[in-house]
Amino acid sequence: MRRLPRGPRIGLALLGVLPFAGVGWTALVPVLLALVATPLLVVALRRPRVG
């Protein structure tokens, strides 16, 4: 690997990392969305209805 120029080394590193980043992103986003939506839902349900 040390004989390769810097550009191809970075490209190979990204090629190996990006699929795992994509899988991690798809696993993380729904969890974060649920964590944000749950308190908002609780507040919306506890708020008294006006009108």
N, C-alpha and C. Protein backbone atom coordinates (compact mmCIF):
# COMPACT_ATOMS: atom_id res chain seq x y z
N MET A 1 0.81 -1.19 0.00
CA MET A 1 0.00 0.00 0.00
C MET A 1 0.85 1.26 0.00
N ARG A 2 2.01 1.20 0.57
CA ARG A 2 2.82 2.42 0.64
C ARG A 2 3.34 2.83 -0.73
N ARG A 3 3.37 1.91 -1.67
CA ARG A 3 3.85 2.24 -3.01
C ARG A 3 2.80 2.98 -3.83
N LEU A 4 1.54 2.88 -3.44
CA LEU A 4 0.49 3.57 -4.16
C LEU A 4 0.54 5.06 -3.85
N PRO A 5 0.23 5.90 -4.84
CA PRO A 5 0.12 7.34 -4.56
C PRO A 5 -1.04 7.61 -3.60
N ARG A 6 -1.06 8.80 -3.07
CA ARG A 6 -2.02 9.16 -2.04
C ARG A 6 -3.47 9.09 -2.54
N GLY A 7 -3.74 9.54 -3.75
CA GLY A 7 -5.11 9.55 -4.30
C GLY A 7 -5.75 8.18 -4.32
N PRO A 8 -5.10 7.18 -4.91
CA PRO A 8 -5.70 5.84 -4.92
C PRO A 8 -5.86 5.24 -3.52
N ARG A 9 -4.96 5.57 -2.60
CA ARG A 9 -5.11 5.06 -1.23
C ARG A 9 -6.37 5.62 -0.59
N ILE A 10 -6.63 6.91 -0.79
CA ILE A 10 -7.83 7.52 -0.24
C ILE A 10 -9.07 6.92 -0.91
N GLY A 11 -9.00 6.72 -2.21
CA GLY A 11 -10.12 6.12 -2.93
C GLY A 11 -10.43 4.71 -2.44
N LEU A 12 -9.41 3.91 -2.22
CA LEU A 12 -9.62 2.55 -1.72
C LEU A 12 -10.18 2.58 -0.30
N ALA A 13 -9.73 3.50 0.51
CA ALA A 13 -10.25 3.60 1.87
C ALA A 13 -11.73 3.97 1.84
N LEU A 14 -12.10 4.93 1.00
CA LEU A 14 -13.50 5.32 0.89
C LEU A 14 -14.36 4.19 0.33
N LEU A 15 -13.81 3.47 -0.62
CA LEU A 15 -14.54 2.34 -1.21
C LEU A 15 -14.85 1.28 -0.15
N GLY A 16 -13.97 1.12 0.79
CA GLY A 16 -14.19 0.13 1.85
C GLY A 16 -15.09 0.64 2.97
N VAL A 17 -15.12 1.95 3.19
CA VAL A 17 -15.86 2.51 4.31
C VAL A 17 -17.29 2.90 3.94
N LEU A 18 -17.52 3.39 2.74
CA LEU A 18 -18.83 3.93 2.37
C LEU A 18 -19.98 2.93 2.48
N PRO A 19 -19.82 1.67 2.08
CA PRO A 19 -20.95 0.75 2.26
C PRO A 19 -21.35 0.59 3.73
N PHE A 20 -20.38 0.54 4.62
CA PHE A 20 -20.69 0.41 6.04
C PHE A 20 -21.32 1.69 6.57
N ALA A 21 -20.89 2.83 6.07
CA ALA A 21 -21.50 4.10 6.48
C ALA A 21 -22.95 4.16 6.04
N GLY A 22 -23.24 3.67 4.84
CA GLY A 22 -24.62 3.65 4.35
C GLY A 22 -25.50 2.74 5.19
N VAL A 23 -25.01 1.58 5.53
CA VAL A 23 -25.78 0.65 6.36
C VAL A 23 -25.99 1.23 7.75
N GLY A 24 -24.96 1.83 8.31
CA GLY A 24 -25.09 2.44 9.62
C GLY A 24 -26.07 3.60 9.61
N TRP A 25 -26.05 4.39 8.54
CA TRP A 25 -26.94 5.54 8.42
C TRP A 25 -28.39 5.07 8.39
N THR A 26 -28.67 4.03 7.62
CA THR A 26 -30.05 3.56 7.52
C THR A 26 -30.51 2.92 8.83
N ALA A 27 -29.59 2.45 9.64
CA ALA A 27 -29.97 1.88 10.92
C ALA A 27 -30.11 2.95 11.99
N LEU A 28 -29.41 4.04 11.85
CA LEU A 28 -29.39 5.08 12.87
C LEU A 28 -30.52 6.09 12.71
N VAL A 29 -30.86 6.45 11.49
CA VAL A 29 -31.85 7.50 11.25
C VAL A 29 -33.23 7.15 11.82
N PRO A 30 -33.77 5.96 11.62
CA PRO A 30 -35.08 5.67 12.22
C PRO A 30 -35.08 5.74 13.75
N VAL A 31 -33.99 5.34 14.36
CA VAL A 31 -33.90 5.41 15.82
C VAL A 31 -33.89 6.87 16.27
N LEU A 32 -33.10 7.70 15.62
CA LEU A 32 -33.07 9.13 15.97
C LEU A 32 -34.42 9.79 15.72
N LEU A 33 -35.06 9.43 14.64
CA LEU A 33 -36.38 9.99 14.33
C LEU A 33 -37.39 9.61 15.41
N ALA A 34 -37.35 8.38 15.87
CA ALA A 34 -38.26 7.95 16.93
C ALA A 34 -37.95 8.68 18.23
N LEU A 35 -36.68 8.90 18.52
CA LEU A 35 -36.31 9.62 19.75
C LEU A 35 -36.78 11.07 19.73
N VAL A 36 -36.80 11.67 18.57
CA VAL A 36 -37.26 13.05 18.45
C VAL A 36 -38.78 13.11 18.42
N ALA A 37 -39.43 12.17 17.74
CA ALA A 37 -40.88 12.20 17.56
C ALA A 37 -41.63 11.85 18.84
N THR A 38 -41.07 10.99 19.67
CA THR A 38 -41.79 10.55 20.88
C THR A 38 -42.11 11.70 21.84
N PRO A 39 -41.14 12.54 22.21
CA PRO A 39 -41.51 13.67 23.10
C PRO A 39 -42.49 14.64 22.44
N LEU A 40 -42.37 14.84 21.14
CA LEU A 40 -43.31 15.72 20.45
C LEU A 40 -44.72 15.15 20.49
N LEU A 41 -44.84 13.85 20.33
CA LEU A 41 -46.14 13.20 20.38
C LEU A 41 -46.74 13.30 21.78
N VAL A 42 -45.93 13.12 22.80
CA VAL A 42 -46.41 13.22 24.18
C VAL A 42 -46.93 14.62 24.45
N VAL A 43 -46.20 15.63 24.03
CA VAL A 43 -46.64 17.02 24.23
C VAL A 43 -47.92 17.28 23.46
N ALA A 44 -48.01 16.80 22.25
CA ALA A 44 -49.21 17.03 21.44
C ALA A 44 -50.42 16.34 22.03
N LEU A 45 -50.24 15.17 22.62
CA LEU A 45 -51.39 14.46 23.19
C LEU A 45 -51.82 15.04 24.53
N ARG A 46 -50.93 15.63 25.29
CA ARG A 46 -51.26 16.19 26.60
C ARG A 46 -51.82 17.60 26.51
N ARG A 47 -51.62 18.26 25.39
CA ARG A 47 -52.09 19.62 25.24
C ARG A 47 -53.63 19.62 25.16
N PRO A 48 -54.29 20.47 25.95
CA PRO A 48 -55.76 20.50 25.89
C PRO A 48 -56.24 21.06 24.55
N ARG A 49 -57.32 20.51 24.10
CA ARG A 49 -57.87 20.98 22.82
C ARG A 49 -58.62 22.29 23.03
N VAL A 50 -58.39 23.20 22.12
CA VAL A 50 -59.03 24.51 22.19
C VAL A 50 -60.09 24.57 21.10
N GLY A 51 -61.28 25.00 21.47
CA GLY A 51 -62.31 25.21 20.46
C GLY A 51 -63.36 24.24 20.48
